[in-house]
Amino acid sequence: MIYADRKTRVIVQGATGNQGSFHIGRMNQYARSVGGQGVVAGVTPGKGGQESAGVPVYDSVLEAVHAHDVTASVMFVPGGAAADSIMEAADAGLDLVVAITEHIPVHDVMKACAYAKIRGCTVIGPNCPGLLSPGEISMGIMPSHLYSPGSVGVVSRSGTLTYEVVHELTRAGIGQSSVVGIGGDPVIGQTFADVLDQFSQDPATKAVVLLGELGGNLEEEGARMAELPVVVFIAGTSAPPEKRMGHAGAIVSGGEGDANSKIKRLKALGVPVASRLSEIPELIRKEL
């Protein structure tokens, strides 16, 4: 597993909102099923002393850290407050923030991620489904029933695409070591290259599925630096040029970043590229 395991003690920022409360319950249900720590506290300014889904709520991250020795956060705060929340978590000494929040202004993300890096805090996201290591920990909104323990890592810009591929792998009897959604915004904390570097240091991971889409060049950058076998799928081969598709980062500009060009460059690097999701299990099996 990478980034976190069953011993990781987690807080949820934005714990008293509908999404925060709901997903605390889901994450802790998974934690109980694997004997993990899970979410031990929540943070919502002005709501300290309350409870959310059975965990105590504090007014600040620092209070929660002092009370529960937490090292990681999952964030469900509104977009306008997200940058400050990331920086607050970094200031409190957390090692990891998984930012589920979408619609965060780009300049806010740039500032918050840069500040977190200086403070030694890793940011996954924003606008992502989170992190799940089967049999260890769930941090985010991924549907855990689709996942099974194994040796294949998955890293993706798209949440729903991730779930489809994990389902294909599990159905084919191929388990996963860790699954990371890095988010689809133009500016994100962890890139494909960052996550692939983490996988390369994980003894449990033998190969990686990389799920990309049109826009930017993060997929090629990651595949070029990968130390493990990688199988790639790129969504958006039918997308019209200059059209943003779904994610804020999924836009082709100046003739760069379209899906077919990405596929051509990846194949030139010798990377297996699936043309359909159903091809991924067989391609990854050949790499194991």
Protein backbone atom coordinates (compact mmCIF):
# COMPACT_ATOMS: atom_id res chain seq x y z
CA MET A 1 0.00 0.00 0.00
CA ILE A 2 1.09 3.62 -0.45
CA TYR A 3 0.48 6.91 1.41
CA ALA A 4 -1.50 5.31 4.28
CA ASP A 5 -2.38 1.98 5.89
CA ARG A 6 -4.71 0.51 8.52
CA LYS A 7 -2.67 2.14 11.31
CA THR A 8 -3.19 5.65 9.90
CA ARG A 9 -5.38 7.82 12.12
CA VAL A 10 -7.53 10.11 9.98
CA ILE A 11 -9.59 13.25 10.50
CA VAL A 12 -12.28 14.65 8.22
CA GLN A 13 -12.30 18.41 7.60
CA GLY A 14 -15.86 19.51 6.95
CA ALA A 15 -17.10 16.73 9.20
CA THR A 16 -20.59 18.07 9.99
CA GLY A 17 -21.79 18.62 6.44
CA ASN A 18 -23.90 16.03 4.66
CA GLN A 19 -21.00 14.66 2.60
CA GLY A 20 -18.53 14.69 5.46
CA SER A 21 -20.85 12.90 7.85
CA PHE A 22 -21.95 10.32 5.26
CA HIS A 23 -18.42 9.42 4.22
CA ILE A 24 -17.10 9.25 7.78
CA GLY A 25 -19.61 6.45 8.25
CA ARG A 26 -18.53 4.68 5.05
CA MET A 27 -14.80 5.03 5.71
CA ASN A 28 -15.18 3.75 9.26
CA GLN A 29 -17.34 0.85 8.16
CA TYR A 30 -14.45 -0.20 5.93
CA ALA A 31 -11.91 0.43 8.69
CA ARG A 32 -13.82 -1.84 11.06
CA SER A 33 -13.97 -4.58 8.41
CA VAL A 34 -10.16 -4.62 8.07
CA GLY A 35 -9.24 -3.90 11.69
CA GLY A 36 -8.02 -0.39 10.94
CA GLN A 37 -8.04 2.91 12.80
CA GLY A 38 -10.05 4.89 10.23
CA VAL A 39 -11.52 8.32 10.98
CA VAL A 40 -11.00 9.14 14.64
CA ALA A 41 -12.19 12.77 14.65
CA GLY A 42 -13.72 15.55 12.60
CA VAL A 43 -13.08 19.27 12.23
CA THR A 44 -15.64 22.01 11.59
CA PRO A 45 -14.93 25.53 12.91
CA GLY A 46 -17.63 26.57 15.37
CA LYS A 47 -18.94 23.01 15.80
CA GLY A 48 -16.42 21.79 18.37
CA GLY A 49 -17.91 19.55 21.04
CA GLN A 50 -20.45 17.97 18.69
CA GLU A 51 -20.27 14.50 17.12
CA SER A 52 -20.52 13.46 13.48
CA ALA A 53 -21.18 9.83 12.53
CA GLY A 54 -19.96 8.78 15.96
CA VAL A 55 -16.65 10.68 16.07
CA PRO A 56 -15.90 13.83 18.09
CA VAL A 57 -15.73 17.17 16.25
CA TYR A 58 -13.17 19.89 16.96
CA ASP A 59 -12.93 23.54 15.98
CA SER A 60 -9.44 23.21 14.51
CA VAL A 61 -7.10 20.62 13.03
CA LEU A 62 -4.52 21.35 15.70
CA GLU A 63 -7.01 20.49 18.46
CA ALA A 64 -7.82 17.19 16.75
CA VAL A 65 -4.13 16.39 16.30
CA HIS A 66 -3.39 17.01 19.98
CA ALA A 67 -6.35 14.90 21.10
CA HIS A 68 -5.97 11.96 18.72
CA ASP A 69 -2.44 11.93 17.25
CA VAL A 70 -3.75 11.99 13.68
CA THR A 71 -1.47 12.17 10.61
CA ALA A 72 -3.89 12.42 7.68
CA SER A 73 -7.03 14.24 6.59
CA VAL A 74 -9.85 13.79 4.12
CA MET A 75 -11.34 17.14 3.15
CA PHE A 76 -14.99 17.88 2.30
CA VAL A 77 -15.00 21.64 2.89
CA PRO A 78 -16.53 24.10 0.35
CA GLY A 79 -14.32 25.28 -2.48
CA GLY A 80 -13.88 28.80 -1.15
CA ALA A 81 -12.45 27.53 2.14
CA ALA A 82 -10.44 24.62 0.74
CA ALA A 83 -7.06 26.32 0.32
CA ASP A 84 -7.08 27.58 3.90
CA SER A 85 -8.09 24.11 5.10
CA ILE A 86 -5.19 22.46 3.25
CA MET A 87 -2.76 24.97 4.71
CA GLU A 88 -4.24 24.56 8.18
CA ALA A 89 -3.70 20.80 7.96
CA ALA A 90 -0.12 21.30 6.79
CA ASP A 91 0.52 23.79 9.60
CA ALA A 92 -0.78 21.28 12.14
CA GLY A 93 1.85 18.77 11.00
CA LEU A 94 -0.27 16.34 9.00
CA ASP A 95 1.59 14.16 6.49
CA LEU A 96 -1.28 13.74 4.03
CA VAL A 97 -4.38 15.62 2.87
CA VAL A 98 -6.85 13.98 0.48
CA ALA A 99 -8.84 16.86 -0.99
CA ILE A 100 -12.16 15.62 -2.35
CA THR A 101 -13.48 19.17 -2.85
CA GLU A 102 -14.09 20.41 -6.39
CA HIS A 103 -14.47 23.94 -7.81
CA ILE A 104 -11.47 25.32 -5.93
CA PRO A 105 -10.02 28.41 -7.69
CA VAL A 106 -6.80 27.51 -9.53
CA HIS A 107 -4.69 30.15 -7.81
CA ASP A 108 -5.91 28.91 -4.42
CA VAL A 109 -4.78 25.37 -5.27
CA MET A 110 -1.39 26.61 -6.46
CA LYS A 111 -0.84 28.50 -3.21
CA ALA A 112 -2.11 25.72 -0.95
CA CYS A 113 -0.17 22.90 -2.63
CA ALA A 114 3.05 24.94 -2.66
CA TYR A 115 2.63 25.76 1.03
CA ALA A 116 1.83 22.12 1.91
CA LYS A 117 4.96 20.95 0.08
CA ILE A 118 7.12 23.37 2.06
CA ARG A 119 5.60 22.00 5.27
CA GLY A 120 6.22 18.39 4.23
CA CYS A 121 2.54 17.59 3.66
CA THR A 122 1.45 15.55 0.62
CA VAL A 123 -1.77 16.63 -1.13
CA ILE A 124 -3.83 14.21 -3.23
CA GLY A 125 -6.39 16.04 -5.36
CA PRO A 126 -8.33 18.27 -5.32
CA ASN A 127 -11.45 17.18 -7.21
CA CYS A 128 -10.59 13.54 -6.71
CA PRO A 129 -12.21 10.35 -5.35
CA GLY A 130 -9.36 9.74 -2.93
CA LEU A 131 -7.26 6.72 -2.00
CA LEU A 132 -8.12 3.11 -1.26
CA SER A 133 -5.72 0.31 -0.39
CA PRO A 134 -7.75 -2.93 -0.28
CA GLY A 135 -7.57 -4.62 3.09
CA GLU A 136 -5.91 -1.55 4.62
CA ILE A 137 -7.67 1.82 4.36
CA SER A 138 -10.28 3.87 2.54
CA MET A 139 -9.77 7.64 2.38
CA GLY A 140 -12.37 9.28 0.19
CA ILE A 141 -15.49 8.30 -1.71
CA MET A 142 -14.50 5.15 -3.59
CA PRO A 143 -17.02 2.25 -3.56
CA SER A 144 -14.97 -0.26 -1.53
CA HIS A 145 -17.05 -3.31 -2.45
CA LEU A 146 -15.51 -3.29 -5.95
CA TYR A 147 -11.95 -3.69 -4.67
CA SER A 148 -9.87 -6.75 -3.80
CA PRO A 149 -6.33 -7.07 -2.37
CA GLY A 150 -3.55 -7.82 -4.81
CA SER A 151 -0.42 -6.56 -6.56
CA VAL A 152 -1.67 -4.11 -9.21
CA GLY A 153 -1.64 -0.40 -8.53
CA VAL A 154 -4.13 1.94 -10.21
CA VAL A 155 -3.72 5.70 -10.69
CA SER A 156 -6.32 7.80 -12.47
CA ARG A 157 -7.53 11.30 -13.26
CA SER A 158 -11.16 10.13 -13.40
CA GLY A 159 -13.24 8.75 -10.53
CA THR A 160 -15.88 6.81 -12.45
CA LEU A 161 -13.30 5.43 -14.88
CA THR A 162 -11.35 4.18 -11.88
CA TYR A 163 -14.34 2.28 -10.55
CA GLU A 164 -15.01 0.67 -13.93
CA VAL A 165 -11.43 -0.52 -14.30
CA VAL A 166 -11.19 -1.80 -10.73
CA HIS A 167 -14.39 -3.76 -11.35
CA GLU A 168 -12.86 -5.25 -14.52
CA LEU A 169 -9.70 -6.22 -12.64
CA THR A 170 -11.52 -7.73 -9.66
CA ARG A 171 -13.85 -9.67 -11.94
CA ALA A 172 -10.79 -11.06 -13.74
CA GLY A 173 -9.26 -12.16 -10.42
CA ILE A 174 -6.61 -9.43 -10.39
CA GLY A 175 -6.39 -7.68 -7.03
CA GLN A 176 -5.14 -4.17 -6.34
CA SER A 177 -2.39 -2.94 -3.99
CA SER A 178 -3.55 0.69 -3.88
CA VAL A 179 -5.84 2.83 -6.01
CA VAL A 180 -5.25 6.59 -6.20
CA GLY A 181 -7.44 9.21 -7.88
CA ILE A 182 -5.22 12.24 -8.50
CA GLY A 183 -8.03 14.52 -9.71
CA GLY A 184 -8.86 16.15 -12.99
CA ASP A 185 -8.14 19.82 -12.29
CA PRO A 186 -5.40 21.76 -14.13
CA VAL A 187 -3.40 22.07 -10.89
CA ILE A 188 -3.17 19.07 -8.56
CA GLY A 189 -1.01 17.96 -5.66
CA GLN A 190 0.21 14.51 -6.70
CA THR A 191 0.82 13.86 -10.40
CA PHE A 192 1.06 10.53 -12.23
CA ALA A 193 4.85 10.69 -11.86
CA ASP A 194 4.56 11.25 -8.10
CA VAL A 195 2.20 8.33 -7.58
CA LEU A 196 4.22 6.01 -9.84
CA ASP A 197 7.29 6.86 -7.78
CA GLN A 198 5.38 5.82 -4.65
CA PHE A 199 4.34 2.56 -6.32
CA SER A 200 7.95 1.84 -7.31
CA GLN A 201 8.88 1.90 -3.61
CA ASP A 202 6.02 -0.39 -2.59
CA PRO A 203 7.02 -4.08 -2.40
CA ALA A 204 3.38 -5.11 -2.78
CA THR A 205 2.97 -3.47 -6.21
CA LYS A 206 4.21 -5.40 -9.26
CA ALA A 207 2.54 -3.43 -12.08
CA VAL A 208 0.39 -0.33 -12.52
CA VAL A 209 -2.67 0.65 -14.55
CA LEU A 210 -2.57 4.34 -15.51
CA LEU A 211 -5.90 5.87 -16.53
CA GLY A 212 -5.62 9.19 -18.35
CA GLU A 213 -7.62 11.50 -20.53
CA LEU A 214 -7.11 14.31 -22.99
CA GLY A 215 -5.44 17.51 -21.79
CA GLY A 216 -1.88 18.18 -20.70
CA ASN A 217 1.01 15.71 -20.75
CA LEU A 218 0.96 14.21 -17.25
CA GLU A 219 0.36 10.70 -18.60
CA GLU A 220 3.46 10.70 -20.84
CA GLU A 221 5.54 12.25 -18.07
CA GLY A 222 4.49 9.52 -15.65
CA ALA A 223 4.95 6.63 -18.09
CA ARG A 224 8.40 7.90 -19.08
CA MET A 225 9.56 7.89 -15.46
CA ALA A 226 7.87 4.65 -14.38
CA GLU A 227 10.13 1.99 -12.89
CA LEU A 228 7.36 -0.65 -12.85
CA PRO A 229 5.49 -2.18 -15.80
CA VAL A 230 2.62 0.13 -16.79
CA VAL A 231 -0.53 -0.41 -18.84
CA VAL A 232 -2.34 2.74 -19.99
CA PHE A 233 -5.85 3.65 -21.07
CA ILE A 234 -6.57 7.15 -22.42
CA ALA A 235 -10.18 8.34 -22.47
CA GLY A 236 -11.42 10.91 -24.97
CA THR A 237 -10.37 9.62 -28.39
CA SER A 238 -13.68 10.85 -29.83
CA ALA A 239 -13.57 14.29 -28.22
CA PRO A 240 -13.76 17.26 -30.61
CA PRO A 241 -10.70 19.55 -30.63
CA GLU A 242 -10.67 22.63 -28.36
CA LYS A 243 -13.54 21.13 -26.36
CA ARG A 244 -13.29 20.69 -22.60
CA MET A 245 -14.58 17.28 -21.60
CA GLY A 246 -15.70 16.87 -17.98
CA HIS A 247 -12.64 17.88 -16.01
CA ALA A 248 -11.20 21.36 -15.92
CA GLY A 249 -7.86 19.88 -16.96
CA ALA A 250 -9.33 17.90 -19.85
CA ILE A 251 -8.97 20.45 -22.62
CA VAL A 252 -6.87 20.29 -25.76
CA SER A 253 -5.05 23.53 -26.44
CA GLY A 254 -2.71 24.54 -29.24
CA GLY A 255 -2.80 21.08 -30.77
CA GLU A 256 -1.36 19.49 -27.63
CA GLY A 257 -2.89 16.94 -25.30
CA ASP A 258 -5.47 15.26 -27.54
CA ALA A 259 -6.04 11.60 -26.74
CA ASN A 260 -4.85 10.12 -30.03
CA SER A 261 -1.56 12.04 -29.91
CA LYS A 262 -1.03 10.87 -26.35
CA ILE A 263 -1.63 7.26 -27.36
CA LYS A 264 0.84 7.58 -30.24
CA ARG A 265 3.55 9.01 -27.98
CA LEU A 266 2.94 6.37 -25.29
CA LYS A 267 3.22 3.55 -27.79
CA ALA A 268 6.46 5.10 -29.06
CA LEU A 269 7.76 4.72 -25.51
CA GLY A 270 6.91 1.03 -25.67
CA VAL A 271 4.00 1.32 -23.23
CA PRO A 272 1.03 -1.05 -23.76
CA VAL A 273 -2.10 1.03 -24.39
CA ALA A 274 -5.58 -0.50 -24.14
CA SER A 275 -8.13 0.63 -26.71
CA ARG A 276 -11.01 -0.63 -24.52
CA LEU A 277 -11.38 -1.03 -20.77
CA SER A 278 -12.06 -4.74 -21.21
CA GLU A 279 -8.53 -5.21 -22.61
CA ILE A 280 -6.83 -3.98 -19.44
CA PRO A 281 -6.93 -7.22 -17.37
CA GLU A 282 -5.26 -9.27 -20.11
CA LEU A 283 -2.64 -6.60 -20.80
CA ILE A 284 -1.79 -6.23 -17.12
CA ARG A 285 -1.66 -10.01 -16.65
CA LYS A 286 1.12 -10.14 -19.26
CA GLU A 287 3.12 -7.64 -17.19
CA LEU A 288 2.86 -9.54 -13.89
